Amino acid sequence: MTQAKGIAYLFTNESHTGEQYSSFATTINAIEDRTGIDFFANVPVEFQEPAEQTNKQLW
C-alpha cells in the first residue's frame, strides 16, 4: 500500500463565491485539534498519521 494522503477544508459560515477552495485547505490534524474529534480512530496509526499531516501544498 502506498502512503496515505488526506486534506481538509475549513470554511467560515458565510458565502465564499468566487474564492478558490485551495485557500481554505488545511491538514486533518488541524481540524481534529479544533473539534476534538479523531476522524480516523479505527485506522492503524501508521496509515492515519501520514494522511492527517499531509501539507496542503502537496495537493
Protein backbone atom coordinates (compact mmCIF):
# COMPACT_ATOMS: atom_id res chain seq x y z
CA MET A 1 0.00 0.00 0.00
CA THR A 2 1.24 3.49 -0.80
CA GLN A 3 1.50 6.23 1.78
CA ALA A 4 -1.88 7.71 2.63
CA LYS A 5 -2.67 11.38 1.97
CA GLY A 6 -5.55 13.48 3.18
CA ILE A 7 -6.79 17.03 3.07
CA ALA A 8 -9.36 19.06 4.97
CA TYR A 9 -11.09 22.34 4.28
CA LEU A 10 -12.15 24.91 6.86
CA PHE A 11 -14.79 27.41 5.79
CA THR A 12 -16.48 30.16 7.76
CA ASN A 13 -20.28 30.14 7.76
CA GLU A 14 -20.69 32.74 5.02
CA SER A 15 -20.69 32.98 1.24
CA HIS A 16 -17.38 32.29 -0.49
CA THR A 17 -18.49 32.91 -4.07
CA GLY A 18 -15.58 33.21 -6.45
CA GLU A 19 -12.96 32.11 -3.94
CA GLN A 20 -10.64 29.18 -4.60
CA TYR A 21 -11.22 26.12 -2.44
CA SER A 22 -7.47 25.73 -2.13
CA SER A 23 -7.29 28.88 0.02
CA PHE A 24 -9.33 27.03 2.68
CA ALA A 25 -7.22 23.85 2.65
CA THR A 26 -5.65 22.70 5.90
CA THR A 27 -4.48 19.47 7.50
CA ILE A 28 -6.81 16.91 9.01
CA ASN A 29 -4.82 17.30 12.24
CA ALA A 30 -5.74 20.99 12.35
CA ILE A 31 -9.45 20.15 12.12
CA GLU A 32 -9.12 17.38 14.72
CA ASP A 33 -7.39 19.83 17.09
CA ARG A 34 -10.19 22.38 16.66
CA THR A 35 -13.03 19.90 17.06
CA GLY A 36 -11.59 17.36 19.48
CA ILE A 37 -12.73 14.60 17.10
CA ASP A 38 -10.42 11.80 15.93
CA PHE A 39 -11.81 11.20 12.45
CA PHE A 40 -9.81 8.05 11.79
CA ALA A 41 -9.83 6.45 15.24
CA ASN A 42 -10.24 2.95 13.77
CA VAL A 43 -7.43 3.30 11.22
CA PRO A 44 -3.98 1.99 12.22
CA VAL A 45 -1.64 4.80 13.31
CA GLU A 46 0.92 4.04 10.57
CA PHE A 47 -1.73 4.96 7.96
CA GLN A 48 -3.55 7.61 9.97
CA GLU A 49 -0.62 9.88 10.80
CA PRO A 50 0.72 10.49 7.26
CA ALA A 51 -2.78 11.27 5.97
CA GLU A 52 -3.60 13.63 8.82
CA GLN A 53 -0.34 15.55 8.49
CA THR A 54 -0.33 15.99 4.71
CA ASN A 55 0.73 19.53 3.92
CA LYS A 56 -1.80 21.33 1.73
CA GLN A 57 0.97 22.37 -0.69
CA LEU A 58 1.29 18.71 -1.75
CA TRP A 59 -2.16 18.79 -3.32
